[in-house]
Amino acid sequence: LADTGILMALSEENIEGTIVNRDPLANNGMVMENAVACALRSKGYTLRYYEKTNSTLEINFVVNLQGSITAMEVKSGRKKKSKSLKMVFTTTHTVGRAIKLSEGNVFKDENGVEHYPLFGVCFFPDASYSDLGPIDYMDDLKGRLRMIGGKDAPDESRIALKRL
């Protein structure tokens, strides 16, 4: 949805109350992911969602950030670990960059994952590179990585990328 307010109104949960009351146990992931999606779209990025079939592996956003295929995860609830992001970046080398947006500060961890505060996406550069083009499966993504000089991913099961 392009409007976080409408998303909250359509939600069956009492998200407004948990946000206003700053409930530390609340998982506001849906709202934060939508806000990040809106910010990225306003900067001209084409958004894709990464999901491995028959698995819990998923990445919130896959974008072309300054010529590099970039996986982004938004973490706003109690669970701050991002196993999927670590998997696609450090284990399979499927993407050129990995970014985690959370309540923390700016740093790069020992695995090379870049960490930014949730609002940090507002300071990302406008999308100046062309769209990734049609990508439906991991083979297509690997081809794009080779085109822009990223890391090649090892052969694995076909992974669907869904355009948002």
N, C-alpha and C. Protein backbone atom coordinates (compact mmCIF):
# COMPACT_ATOMS: atom_id res chain seq x y z
N LEU A 1 0.83 -1.18 0.00
CA LEU A 1 0.00 0.00 0.00
C LEU A 1 0.87 1.25 0.00
N ALA A 2 0.44 2.26 -0.68
CA ALA A 2 1.22 3.49 -0.77
C ALA A 2 0.93 4.45 0.38
N ASP A 3 0.02 4.11 1.25
CA ASP A 3 -0.33 5.00 2.36
C ASP A 3 -0.34 4.20 3.65
N THR A 4 0.59 4.52 4.53
CA THR A 4 0.71 3.79 5.79
C THR A 4 -0.52 3.96 6.67
N GLY A 5 -1.16 5.12 6.62
CA GLY A 5 -2.39 5.35 7.39
C GLY A 5 -3.51 4.43 6.97
N ILE A 6 -3.68 4.25 5.66
CA ILE A 6 -4.71 3.33 5.16
C ILE A 6 -4.37 1.90 5.57
N LEU A 7 -3.09 1.54 5.47
CA LEU A 7 -2.67 0.20 5.88
C LEU A 7 -3.04 -0.05 7.34
N MET A 8 -2.79 0.92 8.19
CA MET A 8 -3.12 0.77 9.61
C MET A 8 -4.63 0.66 9.82
N ALA A 9 -5.40 1.42 9.06
CA ALA A 9 -6.86 1.37 9.18
C ALA A 9 -7.40 0.02 8.74
N LEU A 10 -6.78 -0.58 7.73
CA LEU A 10 -7.24 -1.87 7.22
C LEU A 10 -6.78 -3.04 8.09
N SER A 11 -5.77 -2.80 8.91
CA SER A 11 -5.24 -3.86 9.75
C SER A 11 -6.23 -4.23 10.84
N GLU A 12 -6.28 -5.51 11.14
CA GLU A 12 -7.17 -5.99 12.20
C GLU A 12 -6.56 -5.81 13.58
N GLU A 13 -5.27 -5.52 13.62
CA GLU A 13 -4.59 -5.33 14.90
C GLU A 13 -4.72 -3.88 15.36
N ASN A 14 -4.48 -3.64 16.63
CA ASN A 14 -4.49 -2.28 17.17
C ASN A 14 -3.09 -1.69 17.05
N ILE A 15 -2.65 -1.50 15.82
CA ILE A 15 -1.30 -1.01 15.59
C ILE A 15 -1.13 0.41 16.11
N GLU A 16 -2.17 1.22 15.94
CA GLU A 16 -2.07 2.62 16.38
C GLU A 16 -1.73 2.69 17.87
N GLY A 17 -2.42 1.89 18.66
CA GLY A 17 -2.19 1.89 20.10
C GLY A 17 -0.79 1.47 20.47
N THR A 18 -0.27 0.45 19.80
CA THR A 18 1.08 -0.02 20.14
C THR A 18 2.13 1.00 19.73
N ILE A 19 1.90 1.72 18.63
CA ILE A 19 2.86 2.73 18.20
C ILE A 19 2.79 3.95 19.11
N VAL A 20 1.59 4.44 19.38
CA VAL A 20 1.42 5.62 20.22
C VAL A 20 1.93 5.36 21.63
N ASN A 21 1.64 4.19 22.17
CA ASN A 21 2.07 3.84 23.53
C ASN A 21 3.50 3.32 23.59
N ARG A 22 4.15 3.23 22.44
CA ARG A 22 5.54 2.76 22.34
C ARG A 22 5.73 1.42 23.04
N ASP A 23 4.85 0.50 22.75
CA ASP A 23 4.91 -0.84 23.33
C ASP A 23 6.18 -1.53 22.85
N PRO A 24 7.15 -1.81 23.75
CA PRO A 24 8.40 -2.42 23.32
C PRO A 24 8.25 -3.85 22.85
N LEU A 25 7.14 -4.48 23.18
CA LEU A 25 6.93 -5.86 22.76
C LEU A 25 6.17 -5.96 21.44
N ALA A 26 5.73 -4.84 20.92
CA ALA A 26 4.95 -4.85 19.69
C ALA A 26 5.84 -5.11 18.48
N ASN A 27 5.29 -5.82 17.51
CA ASN A 27 5.98 -6.03 16.24
C ASN A 27 5.29 -5.17 15.20
N ASN A 28 5.88 -4.06 14.89
CA ASN A 28 5.31 -3.12 13.93
C ASN A 28 5.90 -3.32 12.54
N GLY A 29 6.36 -4.53 12.26
CA GLY A 29 7.03 -4.82 11.00
C GLY A 29 6.25 -4.42 9.77
N MET A 30 4.96 -4.73 9.74
CA MET A 30 4.13 -4.42 8.58
C MET A 30 4.13 -2.92 8.30
N VAL A 31 3.99 -2.12 9.33
CA VAL A 31 3.94 -0.67 9.16
C VAL A 31 5.30 -0.14 8.74
N MET A 32 6.36 -0.60 9.39
CA MET A 32 7.71 -0.12 9.07
C MET A 32 8.13 -0.53 7.67
N GLU A 33 7.82 -1.78 7.28
CA GLU A 33 8.14 -2.23 5.93
C GLU A 33 7.41 -1.38 4.90
N ASN A 34 6.16 -1.06 5.17
CA ASN A 34 5.39 -0.23 4.25
C ASN A 34 5.98 1.18 4.15
N ALA A 35 6.40 1.73 5.29
CA ALA A 35 6.99 3.07 5.28
C ALA A 35 8.30 3.08 4.49
N VAL A 36 9.11 2.04 4.65
CA VAL A 36 10.36 1.93 3.90
C VAL A 36 10.06 1.77 2.41
N ALA A 37 9.06 0.95 2.09
CA ALA A 37 8.67 0.77 0.68
C ALA A 37 8.26 2.11 0.07
N CYS A 38 7.48 2.88 0.79
CA CYS A 38 7.04 4.20 0.30
C CYS A 38 8.24 5.12 0.07
N ALA A 39 9.19 5.11 1.01
CA ALA A 39 10.38 5.96 0.88
C ALA A 39 11.22 5.55 -0.33
N LEU A 40 11.40 4.24 -0.52
CA LEU A 40 12.17 3.76 -1.67
C LEU A 40 11.48 4.11 -2.98
N ARG A 41 10.17 3.90 -3.03
CA ARG A 41 9.42 4.22 -4.26
C ARG A 41 9.49 5.71 -4.56
N SER A 42 9.45 6.55 -3.53
CA SER A 42 9.51 8.00 -3.75
C SER A 42 10.86 8.41 -4.33
N LYS A 43 11.88 7.58 -4.14
CA LYS A 43 13.19 7.86 -4.70
C LYS A 43 13.39 7.20 -6.06
N GLY A 44 12.34 6.52 -6.55
CA GLY A 44 12.39 5.96 -7.89
C GLY A 44 12.83 4.51 -7.99
N TYR A 45 12.95 3.82 -6.87
CA TYR A 45 13.39 2.42 -6.91
C TYR A 45 12.24 1.50 -7.28
N THR A 46 12.55 0.50 -8.09
CA THR A 46 11.61 -0.59 -8.36
C THR A 46 11.83 -1.60 -7.25
N LEU A 47 10.77 -1.99 -6.58
CA LEU A 47 10.88 -2.88 -5.43
C LEU A 47 10.58 -4.31 -5.81
N ARG A 48 11.41 -5.20 -5.30
CA ARG A 48 11.17 -6.63 -5.46
C ARG A 48 11.29 -7.29 -4.10
N TYR A 49 10.60 -8.41 -3.97
CA TYR A 49 10.58 -9.21 -2.75
C TYR A 49 11.22 -10.54 -3.10
N TYR A 50 12.07 -11.05 -2.23
CA TYR A 50 12.83 -12.26 -2.49
C TYR A 50 12.31 -13.36 -1.57
N GLU A 51 11.93 -14.48 -2.16
CA GLU A 51 11.37 -15.58 -1.36
C GLU A 51 11.82 -16.91 -1.95
N LYS A 52 12.31 -17.79 -1.09
CA LYS A 52 12.70 -19.12 -1.54
C LYS A 52 11.52 -20.06 -1.34
N THR A 53 11.16 -20.78 -2.38
CA THR A 53 10.04 -21.70 -2.32
C THR A 53 10.29 -22.78 -1.27
N ASN A 54 9.25 -23.15 -0.55
CA ASN A 54 9.31 -24.18 0.49
C ASN A 54 10.36 -23.87 1.56
N SER A 55 10.48 -22.62 1.91
CA SER A 55 11.46 -22.20 2.89
C SER A 55 10.95 -20.94 3.60
N THR A 56 11.58 -20.62 4.71
CA THR A 56 11.24 -19.37 5.40
C THR A 56 12.15 -18.23 4.94
N LEU A 57 13.07 -18.53 4.02
CA LEU A 57 13.99 -17.52 3.53
C LEU A 57 13.24 -16.46 2.73
N GLU A 58 13.34 -15.21 3.19
CA GLU A 58 12.72 -14.10 2.47
C GLU A 58 13.52 -12.83 2.73
N ILE A 59 13.51 -11.94 1.76
CA ILE A 59 14.14 -10.64 1.88
C ILE A 59 13.08 -9.60 1.57
N ASN A 60 12.95 -8.58 2.42
CA ASN A 60 11.90 -7.58 2.24
C ASN A 60 12.00 -6.85 0.91
N PHE A 61 13.21 -6.42 0.55
CA PHE A 61 13.39 -5.65 -0.68
C PHE A 61 14.67 -6.05 -1.39
N VAL A 62 14.60 -6.14 -2.71
CA VAL A 62 15.78 -6.31 -3.55
C VAL A 62 15.74 -5.16 -4.54
N VAL A 63 16.75 -4.30 -4.48
CA VAL A 63 16.79 -3.11 -5.34
C VAL A 63 18.16 -2.97 -5.98
N ASN A 64 18.22 -2.15 -7.01
CA ASN A 64 19.48 -1.79 -7.65
C ASN A 64 19.92 -0.47 -7.02
N LEU A 65 20.84 -0.55 -6.07
CA LEU A 65 21.31 0.63 -5.34
C LEU A 65 22.70 0.98 -5.85
N GLN A 66 22.80 2.05 -6.59
CA GLN A 66 24.06 2.53 -7.14
C GLN A 66 24.79 1.46 -7.94
N GLY A 67 24.05 0.71 -8.74
CA GLY A 67 24.63 -0.30 -9.61
C GLY A 67 24.92 -1.63 -8.95
N SER A 68 24.49 -1.82 -7.73
CA SER A 68 24.73 -3.06 -7.01
C SER A 68 23.40 -3.68 -6.59
N ILE A 69 23.21 -4.96 -6.88
CA ILE A 69 22.02 -5.66 -6.43
C ILE A 69 22.08 -5.69 -4.90
N THR A 70 21.07 -5.11 -4.25
CA THR A 70 21.10 -4.91 -2.81
C THR A 70 19.89 -5.54 -2.14
N ALA A 71 20.15 -6.36 -1.14
CA ALA A 71 19.08 -6.96 -0.33
C ALA A 71 18.89 -6.09 0.90
N MET A 72 17.62 -5.78 1.22
CA MET A 72 17.32 -4.96 2.39
C MET A 72 16.30 -5.65 3.27
N GLU A 73 16.58 -5.63 4.57
CA GLU A 73 15.66 -6.16 5.56
C GLU A 73 15.28 -5.05 6.53
N VAL A 74 14.02 -5.02 6.92
CA VAL A 74 13.51 -4.06 7.89
C VAL A 74 13.21 -4.82 9.17
N LYS A 75 13.80 -4.40 10.28
CA LYS A 75 13.58 -5.04 11.57
C LYS A 75 13.10 -4.00 12.57
N SER A 76 11.89 -4.20 13.09
CA SER A 76 11.36 -3.22 14.04
C SER A 76 10.78 -3.86 15.29
N GLY A 77 10.64 -5.15 15.32
CA GLY A 77 10.03 -5.81 16.47
C GLY A 77 11.07 -6.31 17.45
N ARG A 78 10.67 -7.30 18.23
CA ARG A 78 11.58 -7.87 19.23
C ARG A 78 12.71 -8.64 18.58
N LYS A 79 12.40 -9.32 17.48
CA LYS A 79 13.40 -10.15 16.81
C LYS A 79 14.20 -9.28 15.84
N LYS A 80 15.45 -9.07 16.17
CA LYS A 80 16.30 -8.19 15.37
C LYS A 80 17.24 -8.95 14.45
N LYS A 81 17.34 -10.27 14.62
CA LYS A 81 18.24 -11.05 13.78
C LYS A 81 17.67 -11.16 12.38
N SER A 82 18.56 -11.23 11.43
CA SER A 82 18.15 -11.32 10.03
C SER A 82 18.89 -12.49 9.37
N LYS A 83 18.41 -13.69 9.64
CA LYS A 83 19.05 -14.89 9.11
C LYS A 83 19.02 -14.92 7.59
N SER A 84 17.91 -14.49 7.01
CA SER A 84 17.77 -14.51 5.55
C SER A 84 18.78 -13.58 4.89
N LEU A 85 18.96 -12.41 5.45
CA LEU A 85 19.90 -11.44 4.90
C LEU A 85 21.32 -11.99 4.97
N LYS A 86 21.66 -12.56 6.10
CA LYS A 86 22.99 -13.16 6.26
C LYS A 86 23.19 -14.29 5.25
N MET A 87 22.14 -15.09 5.05
CA MET A 87 22.23 -16.23 4.13
C MET A 87 22.51 -15.77 2.70
N VAL A 88 21.73 -14.83 2.19
CA VAL A 88 21.92 -14.43 0.79
C VAL A 88 23.18 -13.61 0.58
N PHE A 89 23.69 -12.97 1.62
CA PHE A 89 24.88 -12.13 1.46
C PHE A 89 26.17 -12.88 1.76
N THR A 90 26.25 -13.54 2.89
CA THR A 90 27.52 -14.15 3.29
C THR A 90 27.66 -15.61 2.90
N THR A 91 26.55 -16.33 2.78
CA THR A 91 26.65 -17.75 2.47
C THR A 91 26.54 -18.03 0.98
N THR A 92 25.49 -17.50 0.35
CA THR A 92 25.29 -17.79 -1.08
C THR A 92 25.88 -16.72 -1.99
N HIS A 93 26.25 -15.58 -1.45
CA HIS A 93 26.80 -14.46 -2.23
C HIS A 93 25.90 -14.11 -3.41
N THR A 94 24.60 -14.08 -3.16
CA THR A 94 23.62 -13.81 -4.20
C THR A 94 23.51 -12.33 -4.52
N VAL A 95 23.83 -11.47 -3.59
CA VAL A 95 23.70 -10.03 -3.79
C VAL A 95 25.03 -9.33 -3.56
N GLY A 96 25.16 -8.13 -4.10
CA GLY A 96 26.39 -7.36 -3.96
C GLY A 96 26.47 -6.59 -2.65
N ARG A 97 25.31 -6.20 -2.11
CA ARG A 97 25.25 -5.46 -0.84
C ARG A 97 24.10 -5.98 -0.01
N ALA A 98 24.24 -5.84 1.30
CA ALA A 98 23.16 -6.21 2.22
C ALA A 98 22.98 -5.07 3.21
N ILE A 99 21.72 -4.63 3.37
CA ILE A 99 21.41 -3.52 4.26
C ILE A 99 20.31 -3.94 5.22
N LYS A 100 20.54 -3.65 6.50
CA LYS A 100 19.54 -3.92 7.53
C LYS A 100 19.11 -2.59 8.12
N LEU A 101 17.81 -2.32 8.08
CA LEU A 101 17.24 -1.10 8.65
C LEU A 101 16.57 -1.46 9.96
N SER A 102 16.99 -0.82 11.05
CA SER A 102 16.42 -1.12 12.36
C SER A 102 16.52 0.12 13.24
N GLU A 103 16.30 -0.04 14.53
CA GLU A 103 16.35 1.10 15.45
C GLU A 103 17.78 1.47 15.83
N GLY A 104 18.75 0.73 15.33
CA GLY A 104 20.14 0.95 15.71
C GLY A 104 20.80 2.10 14.97
N ASN A 105 22.11 2.18 15.14
CA ASN A 105 22.91 3.23 14.55
C ASN A 105 23.57 2.74 13.26
N VAL A 106 24.36 3.59 12.62
CA VAL A 106 25.04 3.26 11.37
C VAL A 106 26.33 2.52 11.68
N PHE A 107 26.50 1.34 11.09
CA PHE A 107 27.75 0.60 11.19
C PHE A 107 27.73 -0.54 10.18
N LYS A 108 28.88 -1.15 9.99
CA LYS A 108 29.00 -2.33 9.13
C LYS A 108 29.48 -3.46 10.03
N ASP A 109 28.74 -4.58 10.05
CA ASP A 109 29.11 -5.66 10.96
C ASP A 109 30.22 -6.53 10.37
N GLU A 110 30.63 -7.54 11.14
CA GLU A 110 31.74 -8.41 10.75
C GLU A 110 31.47 -9.19 9.48
N ASN A 111 30.20 -9.33 9.09
CA ASN A 111 29.85 -10.03 7.85
C ASN A 111 29.75 -9.09 6.65
N GLY A 112 29.93 -7.79 6.88
CA GLY A 112 29.84 -6.83 5.79
C GLY A 112 28.44 -6.27 5.58
N VAL A 113 27.49 -6.66 6.43
CA VAL A 113 26.13 -6.14 6.33
C VAL A 113 26.11 -4.71 6.85
N GLU A 114 25.54 -3.81 6.05
CA GLU A 114 25.44 -2.40 6.44
C GLU A 114 24.19 -2.20 7.28
N HIS A 115 24.32 -1.52 8.40
CA HIS A 115 23.19 -1.25 9.29
C HIS A 115 22.90 0.24 9.29
N TYR A 116 21.61 0.57 9.16
CA TYR A 116 21.16 1.96 9.17
C TYR A 116 19.91 2.06 10.03
N PRO A 117 19.66 3.25 10.61
CA PRO A 117 18.40 3.42 11.33
C PRO A 117 17.23 3.38 10.35
N LEU A 118 16.05 3.10 10.85
CA LEU A 118 14.87 2.98 9.99
C LEU A 118 14.69 4.19 9.08
N PHE A 119 14.93 5.37 9.61
CA PHE A 119 14.75 6.58 8.81
C PHE A 119 15.88 6.79 7.80
N GLY A 120 16.94 6.00 7.89
CA GLY A 120 18.10 6.16 7.02
C GLY A 120 17.80 6.01 5.55
N VAL A 121 16.76 5.27 5.22
CA VAL A 121 16.40 5.07 3.82
C VAL A 121 16.06 6.40 3.15
N CYS A 122 15.63 7.37 3.91
CA CYS A 122 15.30 8.70 3.35
C CYS A 122 16.54 9.40 2.81
N PHE A 123 17.73 8.98 3.25
CA PHE A 123 18.97 9.60 2.80
C PHE A 123 19.67 8.81 1.71
N PHE A 124 19.08 7.71 1.27
CA PHE A 124 19.65 6.95 0.16
C PHE A 124 19.58 7.82 -1.09
N PRO A 125 20.50 7.62 -2.03
CA PRO A 125 20.45 8.41 -3.26
C PRO A 125 19.23 8.04 -4.10
N ASP A 126 18.80 8.97 -4.93
CA ASP A 126 17.72 8.66 -5.86
C ASP A 126 18.18 7.55 -6.79
N ALA A 127 17.24 6.76 -7.27
CA ALA A 127 17.57 5.67 -8.19
C ALA A 127 18.07 6.28 -9.49
N SER A 128 19.36 6.16 -9.73
CA SER A 128 19.93 6.72 -10.96
C SER A 128 20.31 5.64 -11.95
N TYR A 129 20.25 4.39 -11.51
CA TYR A 129 20.55 3.28 -12.39
C TYR A 129 19.26 2.72 -12.92
N SER A 130 19.35 2.10 -14.07
CA SER A 130 18.14 1.55 -14.67
C SER A 130 17.62 0.39 -13.82
N ASP A 131 16.39 0.06 -14.06
CA ASP A 131 15.73 -1.05 -13.38
C ASP A 131 16.53 -2.33 -13.61
N LEU A 132 16.36 -3.29 -12.74
CA LEU A 132 17.02 -4.58 -12.90
C LEU A 132 16.51 -5.34 -14.11
N GLY A 133 15.38 -4.93 -14.65
CA GLY A 133 14.77 -5.65 -15.76
C GLY A 133 13.93 -6.78 -15.22
N PRO A 134 13.31 -7.55 -16.11
CA PRO A 134 12.44 -8.63 -15.64
C PRO A 134 13.25 -9.74 -14.97
N ILE A 135 12.94 -10.00 -13.71
CA ILE A 135 13.62 -11.05 -12.96
C ILE A 135 12.56 -11.92 -12.32
N ASP A 136 12.51 -13.17 -12.72
CA ASP A 136 11.54 -14.08 -12.16
C ASP A 136 12.17 -15.17 -11.31
N TYR A 137 13.42 -15.52 -11.61
CA TYR A 137 14.06 -16.62 -10.90
C TYR A 137 15.52 -16.30 -10.62
N MET A 138 16.13 -17.09 -9.76
CA MET A 138 17.51 -16.89 -9.35
C MET A 138 18.45 -16.83 -10.55
N ASP A 139 18.21 -17.63 -11.59
CA ASP A 139 19.08 -17.60 -12.77
C ASP A 139 19.09 -16.21 -13.39
N ASP A 140 17.94 -15.55 -13.44
CA ASP A 140 17.87 -14.19 -13.97
C ASP A 140 18.67 -13.23 -13.11
N LEU A 141 18.56 -13.39 -11.79
CA LEU A 141 19.28 -12.52 -10.87
C LEU A 141 20.78 -12.73 -11.01
N LYS A 142 21.22 -13.99 -11.15
CA LYS A 142 22.64 -14.26 -11.32
C LYS A 142 23.17 -13.60 -12.59
N GLY A 143 22.35 -13.63 -13.64
CA GLY A 143 22.75 -12.97 -14.88
C GLY A 143 22.92 -11.48 -14.69
N ARG A 144 22.03 -10.86 -13.96
CA ARG A 144 22.12 -9.41 -13.71
C ARG A 144 23.36 -9.10 -12.87
N LEU A 145 23.67 -9.98 -11.91
CA LEU A 145 24.85 -9.76 -11.09
C LEU A 145 26.11 -9.79 -11.96
N ARG A 146 26.19 -10.72 -12.91
CA ARG A 146 27.34 -10.78 -13.80
C ARG A 146 27.41 -9.52 -14.65
N MET A 147 26.24 -9.02 -15.09
CA MET A 147 26.20 -7.83 -15.94
C MET A 147 26.78 -6.61 -15.23
N ILE A 148 26.51 -6.47 -13.95
CA ILE A 148 26.98 -5.27 -13.25
C ILE A 148 28.22 -5.54 -12.40
N GLY A 149 28.81 -6.72 -12.55
CA GLY A 149 30.07 -7.01 -11.88
C GLY A 149 29.94 -7.46 -10.45
N GLY A 150 28.78 -7.94 -10.05
CA GLY A 150 28.59 -8.43 -8.70
C GLY A 150 29.11 -9.84 -8.55
N LYS A 151 28.87 -10.42 -7.39
CA LYS A 151 29.30 -11.79 -7.13
C LYS A 151 28.33 -12.77 -7.76
N ASP A 152 28.86 -13.87 -8.28
CA ASP A 152 27.99 -14.92 -8.82
C ASP A 152 27.51 -15.81 -7.70
N ALA A 153 26.27 -16.19 -7.77
CA ALA A 153 25.71 -17.10 -6.76
C ALA A 153 25.91 -18.54 -7.22
N PRO A 154 26.15 -19.46 -6.30
CA PRO A 154 26.26 -20.86 -6.67
C PRO A 154 24.90 -21.39 -7.13
N ASP A 155 24.93 -22.49 -7.89
CA ASP A 155 23.67 -23.08 -8.33
C ASP A 155 22.87 -23.52 -7.11
N GLU A 156 21.59 -23.26 -7.15
CA GLU A 156 20.68 -23.68 -6.09
C GLU A 156 19.29 -23.72 -6.68
N SER A 157 18.33 -24.10 -5.87
CA SER A 157 16.97 -24.18 -6.38
C SER A 157 16.50 -22.83 -6.88
N ARG A 158 15.58 -22.83 -7.83
CA ARG A 158 15.07 -21.57 -8.38
C ARG A 158 14.32 -20.81 -7.30
N ILE A 159 14.64 -19.57 -7.17
CA ILE A 159 14.03 -18.72 -6.14
C ILE A 159 13.22 -17.65 -6.84
N ALA A 160 11.96 -17.53 -6.47
CA ALA A 160 11.09 -16.56 -7.12
C ALA A 160 11.31 -15.17 -6.53
N LEU A 161 11.37 -14.19 -7.40
CA LEU A 161 11.43 -12.79 -6.99
C LEU A 161 10.13 -12.16 -7.40
N LYS A 162 9.43 -11.58 -6.47
CA LYS A 162 8.12 -11.00 -6.76
C LYS A 162 8.24 -9.49 -6.80
N ARG A 163 7.69 -8.90 -7.84
CA ARG A 163 7.70 -7.45 -7.96
C ARG A 163 6.59 -6.88 -7.09
N LEU A 164 6.91 -5.87 -6.29
CA LEU A 164 5.91 -5.24 -5.42
C LEU A 164 5.20 -4.15 -6.16
